[in-house]
Amino acid sequence: MKNSKVIPILIVFVFAVCSVFAQTADLKPEILKYEPFVWKSQAPSDCPFEGSETITGIKFLGIKSGYHYGDTWYPAWAENDTLYSPWTDGKTKRLDGYTDNSRSWVDPVHITTGQGIITGDDPLTMKAYSIGLHHKSPAFPYHGRYPAGSLIYNGTWYYGTYCLDPAGYTRYGKNDTINWPWMGPFVGFRYSKDYGHTWNECPHTPENPIFGESGRNAYPVKIGAPHFVDFGKNMEHSPDGKAYLVAHGADINDPDPKGAWNNSWITGDQVYLIRVIPSEENINDASRYEFYAGKDEKGDPVWTHDFEMIMPLLEWNNNMGCVTITYNAPLKKYIMCVTDGGNTYSKMNTYLLESDKLTGEWRLITYMKSFGEQGYFVNIPTKFISNDGKTAWLLYSGNYWDTVNGENNGVNPPGGHYGMTFQKIQLLINK
C-alpha cells in the first residue's frame, strides 16, 4: 500500500520529461561551408535564348543550409512575415519535435500532402517545420497527387495540387526505370483562413479539374504543375494586384517528343503563364482566369479568358520542365528557374533566365549542366534576397535517387541533398 501513489507520480514525471524534451527538440538547420565558385554556363547549341547583358552568371558563395526533410518546398511570404510552404514525400519535424510523414504516392486514395512553416530572416538561423498533414486529396483515376502553386495573400493560404501517372517507379523497356512519366492535370486549390490549421476543400476533382485538362495515357497538359510568381511579402510587388502562375507543359502536335516522359513532373517543351485576382471566390473559377495568348502586332501581350487560345510564353522542345519565377525588386528583374529533368531519373539541368517584364523578352543568365547533380523544384524565395538584389538563396531538393539505370548522381554544389537545400548565391552584374 505504501507504493500505491509512487507509480502514478513516476508516470507523470516521465511523461513531463518526455514532453519537455519533445518541445525543445533541435530545429537548427544543417550548415556546410565550402570554397566559393562561379558555375560555368554550358548552354546547348540550340538554346533559343540570348545571353543576358545585365546578369551574366551566378556565383555559389560557399555556404549551404537546409534540412533532411520531405521535398516540394515552395515558400510564400505572408503579411505576418512568416514563410508558408507545401511539402511532401518524406518526414518533416514538427515544432513539438515529433515527425510528420507525408506520402503523395502511396495509393490513389490514401494520399497525404504536408503544410510547413519557415521562420527567421536568414536561412542560417531559420527554423523549418511541419504544421500538419492533409488527407482529403485523392488522386483517382491517377495514382499520385502532389503540391503545386502555393500563395498566402491577405491572410488566406491557397494550396494547389496536381496529378501524376502511372507510378513513381515505372518500368520502361527491358532495363530502364522512370519516375512519374505522365503529367496529370492541375486539380485546383484548397484554402485556409487560419494559416493551414483548417481547410476549405477544393471543389474540383482529378476527373473534373479546374481547367478541364486530362493527362490520361500520357496525353499532354499545359497547366500541370503551376507555381505562383513570387512577388514578395503579401504579393507587394504585383504590377496590377493580380496573382500570376507559371507552368510547364507540352502540346499534342509535338514533332519530336522526348519519349514516354515527354510531359512529366520535371520535363516539358513549353512554359505557360496565367493570372487571376486572388480571392476565395475567384481562385477555383476558371472563368476568372486570364491566359497568356502571345503578342499583337505592336509586341504587346494578349490575354484571353478562353483556355483554348492559350499560347506558350516560352518554348524549347525537349529542354523545359519544372518552372518558377521570382521578382527581384532591388534589381527590378524577374528571374525564372527552369529544370530539364532528363529522363526523370537522370542528372538534371537547371537554367536561369531574366527579364524586365513577365511577358519577356527572357534572356539567359546561366545554364547549369547537371545541377545538383539531380537538383529539382528550384526557386528563389524573395524573403532572402539582399537589399541590393545581388545575393539570394537558391532553394531546391536534390538526388531523390542516387543510382538508377546504371547512372550515379553525385552532389554538386556541395551540401545538396534530398529535402530542403538552400545555397547562397551572388548574381554577377555587368556594370
Protein backbone atom coordinates (compact mmCIF):
# COMPACT_ATOMS: atom_id res chain seq x y z
CA MET A 1 0.00 0.00 0.00
CA LYS A 2 2.89 2.38 0.63
CA ASN A 3 3.86 2.39 -3.06
CA SER A 4 0.35 2.92 -4.37
CA LYS A 5 1.00 6.61 -5.13
CA VAL A 6 4.57 6.23 -6.31
CA ILE A 7 3.80 4.65 -9.66
CA PRO A 8 1.32 7.34 -10.85
CA ILE A 9 3.71 10.06 -9.74
CA LEU A 10 6.56 8.37 -11.59
CA ILE A 11 4.45 8.03 -14.74
CA VAL A 12 3.51 11.71 -14.61
CA PHE A 13 7.15 12.65 -14.07
CA VAL A 14 8.36 10.57 -17.04
CA PHE A 15 5.61 11.97 -19.26
CA ALA A 16 6.52 15.52 -18.26
CA VAL A 17 10.19 14.93 -19.01
CA CYS A 18 9.36 13.44 -22.42
CA SER A 19 7.04 16.35 -23.21
CA VAL A 20 9.68 18.91 -22.31
CA PHE A 21 12.22 17.04 -24.41
CA ALA A 22 9.89 16.99 -27.41
CA GLN A 23 9.09 20.68 -27.10
CA THR A 24 12.76 21.62 -27.06
CA ALA A 25 13.80 19.39 -29.97
CA ASP A 26 16.57 20.77 -32.18
CA LEU A 27 15.27 22.56 -35.29
CA LYS A 28 18.56 24.13 -36.29
CA PRO A 29 19.41 23.78 -40.00
CA GLU A 30 22.34 21.73 -41.22
CA ILE A 31 25.07 24.12 -42.42
CA LEU A 32 28.05 23.36 -44.64
CA LYS A 33 30.81 25.69 -45.87
CA TYR A 34 32.94 25.14 -48.96
CA GLU A 35 35.12 27.03 -51.44
CA PRO A 36 33.06 29.59 -53.42
CA PHE A 37 32.96 29.21 -57.20
CA VAL A 38 31.30 30.58 -60.33
CA TRP A 39 29.20 27.98 -62.13
CA LYS A 40 30.37 27.66 -65.73
CA SER A 41 27.45 28.09 -68.10
CA GLN A 42 27.22 25.31 -70.71
CA ALA A 43 24.15 26.00 -72.81
CA PRO A 44 23.40 23.55 -75.65
CA SER A 45 23.99 24.83 -79.17
CA ASP A 46 20.26 25.01 -79.90
CA CYS A 47 19.47 27.22 -76.89
CA PRO A 48 16.90 29.78 -78.12
CA PHE A 49 17.70 32.43 -75.50
CA GLU A 50 20.19 35.23 -75.98
CA GLY A 51 22.61 35.83 -73.15
CA SER A 52 21.74 38.49 -70.60
CA GLU A 53 23.68 41.73 -70.84
CA THR A 54 22.94 42.70 -67.23
CA ILE A 55 23.17 39.46 -65.19
CA THR A 56 25.92 37.33 -66.68
CA GLY A 57 26.12 34.38 -64.29
CA ILE A 58 25.88 33.20 -60.71
CA LYS A 59 28.49 32.54 -58.07
CA PHE A 60 27.94 30.00 -55.31
CA LEU A 61 29.20 31.71 -52.17
CA GLY A 62 30.28 28.54 -50.42
CA ILE A 63 27.60 28.12 -47.80
CA LYS A 64 24.67 25.74 -47.66
CA SER A 65 21.81 25.44 -45.19
CA GLY A 66 18.88 23.07 -45.03
CA TYR A 67 17.06 20.08 -43.60
CA HIS A 68 16.80 16.40 -44.47
CA TYR A 69 13.03 16.62 -44.73
CA GLY A 70 10.46 15.76 -47.37
CA ASP A 71 10.72 17.74 -50.62
CA THR A 72 8.48 20.11 -52.65
CA TRP A 73 9.18 23.33 -50.73
CA TYR A 74 7.80 26.47 -52.42
CA PRO A 75 7.64 29.17 -49.71
CA ALA A 76 5.12 32.01 -49.85
CA TRP A 77 5.82 35.15 -47.80
CA ALA A 78 2.82 36.14 -45.69
CA GLU A 79 1.93 39.54 -44.27
CA ASN A 80 2.88 38.25 -40.78
CA ASP A 81 6.49 37.86 -42.03
CA THR A 82 6.35 34.03 -41.97
CA LEU A 83 7.00 31.74 -44.93
CA TYR A 84 4.36 29.07 -45.56
CA SER A 85 5.04 26.17 -47.88
CA PRO A 86 3.74 22.85 -49.12
CA TRP A 87 5.91 19.77 -48.73
CA THR A 88 5.57 16.00 -49.20
CA ASP A 89 7.23 12.62 -49.76
CA GLY A 90 9.22 12.25 -46.60
CA LYS A 91 9.45 13.05 -42.93
CA THR A 92 9.47 16.58 -41.55
CA LYS A 93 9.79 17.55 -37.90
CA ARG A 94 7.02 19.35 -36.12
CA LEU A 95 7.56 22.21 -33.71
CA ASP A 96 6.99 19.81 -30.80
CA GLY A 97 9.87 17.66 -32.04
CA TYR A 98 7.77 14.79 -33.30
CA THR A 99 7.61 13.96 -37.01
CA ASP A 100 5.01 14.08 -39.79
CA ASN A 101 5.36 11.67 -42.72
CA SER A 102 3.68 12.73 -45.96
CA ARG A 103 3.28 10.42 -48.95
CA SER A 104 1.71 11.69 -52.18
CA TRP A 105 2.24 8.37 -53.94
CA VAL A 106 1.04 5.70 -51.51
CA ASP A 107 -2.13 4.81 -53.49
CA PRO A 108 -4.86 6.73 -55.36
CA VAL A 109 -6.96 7.20 -52.21
CA HIS A 110 -4.79 7.47 -49.09
CA ILE A 111 -2.58 10.30 -50.29
CA THR A 112 -1.25 13.00 -47.98
CA THR A 113 0.29 16.41 -48.57
CA GLY A 114 2.04 18.49 -45.93
CA GLN A 115 1.93 22.08 -44.71
CA GLY A 116 5.13 23.68 -43.46
CA ILE A 117 6.49 26.89 -41.96
CA ILE A 118 9.85 28.64 -42.22
CA THR A 119 10.56 31.35 -39.64
CA GLY A 120 13.50 33.72 -39.40
CA ASP A 121 15.22 36.25 -41.65
CA ASP A 122 18.25 34.15 -42.63
CA PRO A 123 18.50 30.53 -43.83
CA LEU A 124 21.48 30.11 -41.50
CA THR A 125 19.31 30.73 -38.44
CA MET A 126 15.86 29.78 -39.74
CA LYS A 127 13.53 27.18 -38.27
CA ALA A 128 11.52 25.00 -40.65
CA TYR A 129 8.90 22.53 -39.52
CA SER A 130 5.63 20.82 -40.37
CA ILE A 131 2.30 22.08 -39.09
CA GLY A 132 0.31 19.07 -40.24
CA LEU A 133 -0.86 16.77 -43.00
CA HIS A 134 -3.85 16.90 -45.30
CA HIS A 135 -5.69 13.64 -46.04
CA LYS A 136 -8.51 14.74 -48.37
CA SER A 137 -6.88 14.99 -51.81
CA PRO A 138 -7.34 11.63 -53.56
CA ALA A 139 -5.72 11.11 -56.97
CA PHE A 140 -8.10 8.62 -58.61
CA PRO A 141 -8.18 7.93 -61.57
CA TYR A 142 -4.48 8.94 -61.39
CA HIS A 143 -2.01 7.45 -58.94
CA GLY A 144 -0.20 10.45 -57.44
CA ARG A 145 -1.32 13.89 -56.28
CA TYR A 146 1.31 16.45 -55.39
CA PRO A 147 1.59 20.05 -54.15
CA ALA A 148 1.85 22.81 -56.76
CA GLY A 149 1.15 26.54 -56.56
CA SER A 150 1.00 27.98 -53.05
CA LEU A 151 0.12 31.58 -52.15
CA ILE A 152 -0.62 33.48 -48.94
CA TYR A 153 -2.50 36.68 -49.62
CA ASN A 154 -4.30 38.87 -47.06
CA GLY A 155 -4.28 36.03 -44.56
CA THR A 156 -5.67 33.32 -46.85
CA TRP A 157 -3.48 30.40 -47.89
CA TYR A 158 -4.23 28.96 -51.34
CA TYR A 159 -2.73 25.48 -51.79
CA GLY A 160 -2.86 23.83 -55.22
CA THR A 161 -2.36 20.18 -56.19
CA TYR A 162 -1.78 18.28 -59.43
CA CYS A 163 -1.88 14.63 -60.50
CA LEU A 164 0.72 12.21 -61.85
CA ASP A 165 0.62 8.80 -63.52
CA PRO A 166 1.12 5.84 -63.84
CA ALA A 167 3.53 5.22 -60.93
CA GLY A 168 6.51 6.72 -59.16
CA TYR A 169 8.60 3.71 -60.08
CA THR A 170 7.75 2.79 -63.68
CA ARG A 171 9.48 0.19 -65.81
CA TYR A 172 10.27 1.32 -69.36
CA GLY A 173 11.52 -1.24 -71.83
CA LYS A 174 13.67 -4.13 -70.67
CA ASN A 175 16.07 -2.44 -68.27
CA ASP A 176 15.14 1.20 -67.66
CA THR A 177 13.17 2.81 -64.85
CA ILE A 178 11.43 6.19 -64.99
CA ASN A 179 9.63 8.29 -62.39
CA TRP A 180 6.04 9.53 -62.82
CA PRO A 181 6.44 9.93 -66.61
CA TRP A 182 2.95 11.36 -67.26
CA MET A 183 1.89 14.76 -66.01
CA GLY A 184 -1.74 14.87 -64.96
CA PRO A 185 -3.96 17.94 -64.68
CA PHE A 186 -3.82 20.72 -62.14
CA VAL A 187 -6.86 19.99 -59.96
CA GLY A 188 -7.42 23.30 -58.17
CA PHE A 189 -6.96 24.87 -54.75
CA ARG A 190 -7.94 24.22 -51.18
CA TYR A 191 -7.68 27.29 -48.96
CA SER A 192 -7.19 28.11 -45.30
CA LYS A 193 -8.08 31.24 -43.35
CA ASP A 194 -6.11 30.22 -40.24
CA TYR A 195 -2.66 29.63 -41.75
CA GLY A 196 -3.08 25.95 -42.52
CA HIS A 197 -4.73 24.63 -39.37
CA THR A 198 -8.11 24.04 -41.05
CA TRP A 199 -9.01 23.90 -44.74
CA ASN A 200 -11.86 24.61 -47.13
CA GLU A 201 -11.65 21.74 -49.58
CA CYS A 202 -11.07 22.11 -53.31
CA PRO A 203 -14.38 21.91 -55.24
CA HIS A 204 -12.68 20.20 -58.20
CA THR A 205 -11.54 16.60 -58.63
CA PRO A 206 -8.86 14.87 -60.74
CA GLU A 207 -11.60 13.72 -63.11
CA ASN A 208 -13.03 17.26 -63.33
CA PRO A 209 -10.11 19.65 -62.80
CA ILE A 210 -10.37 23.42 -62.90
CA PHE A 211 -9.09 23.87 -66.48
CA GLY A 212 -10.60 20.68 -67.90
CA GLU A 213 -7.34 19.08 -69.00
CA SER A 214 -6.64 15.34 -68.96
CA GLY A 215 -3.27 13.63 -68.69
CA ARG A 216 -4.57 10.09 -69.02
CA ASN A 217 -2.39 7.75 -71.05
CA ALA A 218 0.33 10.39 -71.49
CA TYR A 219 -1.92 12.97 -73.19
CA PRO A 220 -0.01 16.27 -72.73
CA VAL A 221 -1.30 19.05 -70.50
CA LYS A 222 -0.34 22.73 -70.47
CA ILE A 223 -1.13 23.71 -66.88
CA GLY A 224 0.04 20.68 -64.93
CA ALA A 225 2.11 21.98 -62.02
CA PRO A 226 1.70 25.78 -61.88
CA HIS A 227 3.62 27.88 -59.36
CA PHE A 228 2.79 31.40 -58.23
CA VAL A 229 5.19 34.12 -59.25
CA ASP A 230 6.87 35.27 -56.03
CA PHE A 231 6.11 39.00 -55.80
CA GLY A 232 7.40 39.35 -52.26
CA LYS A 233 5.63 39.81 -48.94
CA ASN A 234 1.86 39.56 -49.37
CA MET A 235 2.32 39.98 -53.15
CA GLU A 236 3.54 43.55 -52.58
CA HIS A 237 5.26 43.87 -55.97
CA SER A 238 2.49 42.55 -58.19
CA PRO A 239 2.28 45.00 -61.13
CA ASP A 240 -1.52 45.04 -61.13
CA GLY A 241 -2.78 43.32 -57.98
CA LYS A 242 -3.14 40.02 -59.79
CA ALA A 243 -1.55 36.71 -58.92
CA TYR A 244 0.40 35.16 -61.79
CA LEU A 245 1.16 31.47 -62.19
CA VAL A 246 3.76 29.88 -64.44
CA ALA A 247 3.61 26.25 -65.55
CA HIS A 248 5.42 23.84 -67.86
CA GLY A 249 3.64 21.68 -70.39
CA ALA A 250 3.62 20.20 -73.87
CA ASP A 251 1.48 20.02 -77.00
CA ILE A 252 -0.13 17.04 -78.71
CA ASN A 253 1.36 18.17 -82.04
CA ASP A 254 4.95 17.79 -80.84
CA PRO A 255 7.04 16.88 -83.93
CA ASP A 256 9.85 15.34 -81.85
CA PRO A 257 8.68 14.06 -78.46
CA LYS A 258 11.32 13.20 -75.90
CA GLY A 259 9.90 9.78 -75.10
CA ALA A 260 7.33 8.32 -72.74
CA TRP A 261 8.35 11.06 -70.28
CA ASN A 262 7.94 13.98 -72.72
CA ASN A 263 5.48 15.77 -70.39
CA SER A 264 6.24 14.72 -66.82
CA TRP A 265 6.54 16.40 -63.43
CA ILE A 266 10.05 17.54 -64.43
CA THR A 267 10.10 17.57 -68.25
CA GLY A 268 8.25 19.52 -70.93
CA ASP A 269 8.51 21.66 -74.05
CA GLN A 270 6.81 24.95 -73.16
CA VAL A 271 6.21 27.42 -70.35
CA TYR A 272 2.73 28.93 -69.92
CA LEU A 273 1.56 31.99 -67.97
CA ILE A 274 -1.86 32.64 -66.40
CA ARG A 275 -3.24 35.22 -63.96
CA VAL A 276 -6.17 35.85 -61.62
CA ILE A 277 -7.25 38.33 -58.94
CA PRO A 278 -6.76 36.18 -55.83
CA SER A 279 -9.86 35.68 -53.70
CA GLU A 280 -11.83 32.78 -52.29
CA GLU A 281 -14.47 33.34 -54.97
CA ASN A 282 -12.04 33.57 -57.89
CA ILE A 283 -9.34 31.03 -57.16
CA ASN A 284 -11.32 27.94 -58.26
CA ASP A 285 -13.36 29.62 -61.00
CA ALA A 286 -11.73 29.07 -64.41
CA SER A 287 -13.80 31.90 -65.94
CA ARG A 288 -11.98 34.40 -63.70
CA TYR A 289 -8.56 33.47 -65.11
CA GLU A 290 -6.74 35.12 -67.99
CA PHE A 291 -4.37 33.12 -70.16
CA TYR A 292 -1.36 34.49 -71.98
CA ALA A 293 -2.07 34.22 -75.72
CA GLY A 294 1.02 35.66 -77.38
CA LYS A 295 1.66 39.21 -78.55
CA ASP A 296 -0.06 41.50 -81.02
CA GLU A 297 1.49 43.36 -83.96
CA LYS A 298 2.83 46.03 -81.62
CA GLY A 299 4.51 43.46 -79.39
CA ASP A 300 2.05 43.94 -76.54
CA PRO A 301 0.89 40.85 -74.63
CA VAL A 302 -2.54 39.43 -75.42
CA TRP A 303 -4.66 37.99 -72.60
CA THR A 304 -7.78 35.86 -73.05
CA HIS A 305 -10.38 34.14 -70.88
CA ASP A 306 -10.57 31.32 -73.45
CA PHE A 307 -8.27 28.48 -72.40
CA GLU A 308 -8.25 27.13 -75.96
CA MET A 309 -6.45 30.32 -77.07
CA ILE A 310 -3.54 29.90 -74.66
CA MET A 311 -0.06 30.13 -76.18
CA PRO A 312 3.39 29.37 -74.78
CA LEU A 313 5.27 32.17 -73.09
CA LEU A 314 8.49 30.29 -73.92
CA GLU A 315 9.29 27.19 -75.93
CA TRP A 316 12.34 24.94 -76.23
CA ASN A 317 11.45 21.45 -77.37
CA ASN A 318 12.70 18.68 -75.07
CA ASN A 319 14.55 21.17 -72.86
CA MET A 320 11.98 22.63 -70.47
CA GLY A 321 10.44 21.40 -67.24
CA CYS A 322 9.51 22.50 -63.73
CA VAL A 323 9.48 26.31 -63.64
CA THR A 324 9.31 29.11 -61.06
CA ILE A 325 9.61 32.91 -61.25
CA THR A 326 10.77 35.38 -58.60
CA TYR A 327 10.64 39.16 -58.78
CA ASN A 328 13.92 40.69 -57.62
CA ALA A 329 12.64 44.12 -56.57
CA PRO A 330 16.01 45.86 -55.96
CA LEU A 331 17.16 44.93 -59.48
CA LYS A 332 13.68 45.34 -60.99
CA LYS A 333 14.16 41.97 -62.68
CA TYR A 334 12.13 38.80 -62.96
CA ILE A 335 14.25 35.66 -62.58
CA MET A 336 12.97 32.38 -63.95
CA CYS A 337 14.33 28.98 -62.87
CA VAL A 338 13.74 26.09 -65.28
CA THR A 339 14.77 22.47 -64.74
CA ASP A 340 15.01 19.97 -67.58
CA GLY A 341 14.75 16.64 -65.79
CA GLY A 342 16.31 14.42 -68.46
CA ASN A 343 14.53 11.07 -68.32
CA THR A 344 13.11 11.84 -64.82
CA TYR A 345 15.75 9.72 -63.01
CA SER A 346 18.92 11.05 -64.63
CA LYS A 347 21.13 14.03 -63.92
CA MET A 348 19.13 17.23 -64.36
CA ASN A 349 19.95 20.59 -65.93
CA THR A 350 18.78 23.91 -64.49
CA TYR A 351 18.98 27.29 -66.19
CA LEU A 352 18.12 30.81 -65.06
CA LEU A 353 16.58 33.50 -67.25
CA GLU A 354 15.95 37.19 -66.57
CA SER A 355 13.51 39.74 -67.90
CA ASP A 356 12.25 43.25 -67.17
CA LYS A 357 8.68 42.03 -67.73
CA LEU A 358 6.84 38.80 -67.08
CA THR A 359 5.95 38.53 -70.75
CA GLY A 360 9.56 38.94 -71.87
CA GLU A 361 11.91 39.18 -73.54
CA TRP A 362 13.68 36.50 -71.49
CA ARG A 363 17.47 36.20 -71.59
CA LEU A 364 19.84 33.54 -70.30
CA ILE A 365 21.78 34.16 -67.07
CA THR A 366 23.38 30.73 -66.82
CA TYR A 367 22.86 27.13 -67.90
CA MET A 368 23.92 24.76 -65.11
CA LYS A 369 24.50 21.34 -66.61
CA SER A 370 23.93 18.50 -64.13
CA PHE A 371 22.97 20.91 -61.37
CA GLY A 372 22.60 19.04 -58.12
CA GLU A 373 23.58 16.70 -59.88
CA GLN A 374 19.91 15.81 -59.67
CA GLY A 375 18.52 19.13 -58.46
CA TYR A 376 14.83 19.93 -58.90
CA PHE A 377 11.98 22.15 -57.61
CA VAL A 378 14.35 25.13 -57.85
CA ASN A 379 13.13 28.52 -56.64
CA ILE A 380 14.42 31.77 -55.13
CA PRO A 381 12.38 32.96 -52.11
CA THR A 382 12.06 36.75 -52.13
CA LYS A 383 12.41 37.00 -48.36
CA PHE A 384 16.09 36.10 -48.55
CA ILE A 385 17.10 38.47 -51.37
CA SER A 386 19.58 41.12 -50.17
CA ASN A 387 18.71 44.82 -50.10
CA ASP A 388 20.79 45.45 -53.22
CA GLY A 389 19.37 42.40 -55.01
CA LYS A 390 22.79 40.93 -55.71
CA THR A 391 22.73 38.00 -53.31
CA ALA A 392 19.97 35.47 -52.71
CA TRP A 393 19.37 31.89 -51.63
CA LEU A 394 18.61 29.18 -54.18
CA LEU A 395 16.19 26.61 -52.74
CA TYR A 396 15.88 23.11 -54.19
CA SER A 397 15.73 19.41 -53.43
CA GLY A 398 18.37 17.06 -54.75
CA ASN A 399 19.19 13.46 -55.51
CA TYR A 400 15.96 11.72 -54.68
CA TRP A 401 17.56 8.69 -56.33
CA ASP A 402 21.35 8.31 -56.21
CA THR A 403 21.81 5.44 -58.66
CA VAL A 404 19.41 4.20 -61.32
CA ASN A 405 19.67 2.80 -64.85
CA GLY A 406 23.40 2.39 -64.32
CA GLU A 407 23.98 6.12 -63.73
CA ASN A 408 25.32 7.57 -60.49
CA ASN A 409 24.17 11.02 -59.39
CA GLY A 410 26.83 12.92 -57.48
CA VAL A 411 26.48 16.08 -55.37
CA ASN A 412 27.25 19.46 -56.94
CA PRO A 413 27.27 22.08 -55.49
CA PRO A 414 28.50 20.65 -52.18
CA GLY A 415 25.97 20.01 -49.45
CA GLY A 416 22.98 19.35 -51.67
CA HIS A 417 20.59 16.62 -50.60
CA TYR A 418 17.02 15.40 -50.68
CA GLY A 419 14.56 17.58 -48.81
CA MET A 420 15.28 21.28 -48.34
CA THR A 421 18.60 22.66 -49.59
CA PHE A 422 19.43 26.38 -49.55
CA GLN A 423 22.57 27.57 -51.41
CA LYS A 424 23.69 31.19 -51.08
CA ILE A 425 24.38 32.74 -54.48
CA GLN A 426 25.57 36.02 -55.94
CA LEU A 427 24.16 37.36 -59.18
CA LEU A 428 27.04 38.56 -61.35
CA ILE A 429 26.04 42.04 -62.52
CA ASN A 430 27.57 43.51 -65.65
CA LYS A 431 28.44 47.07 -64.65
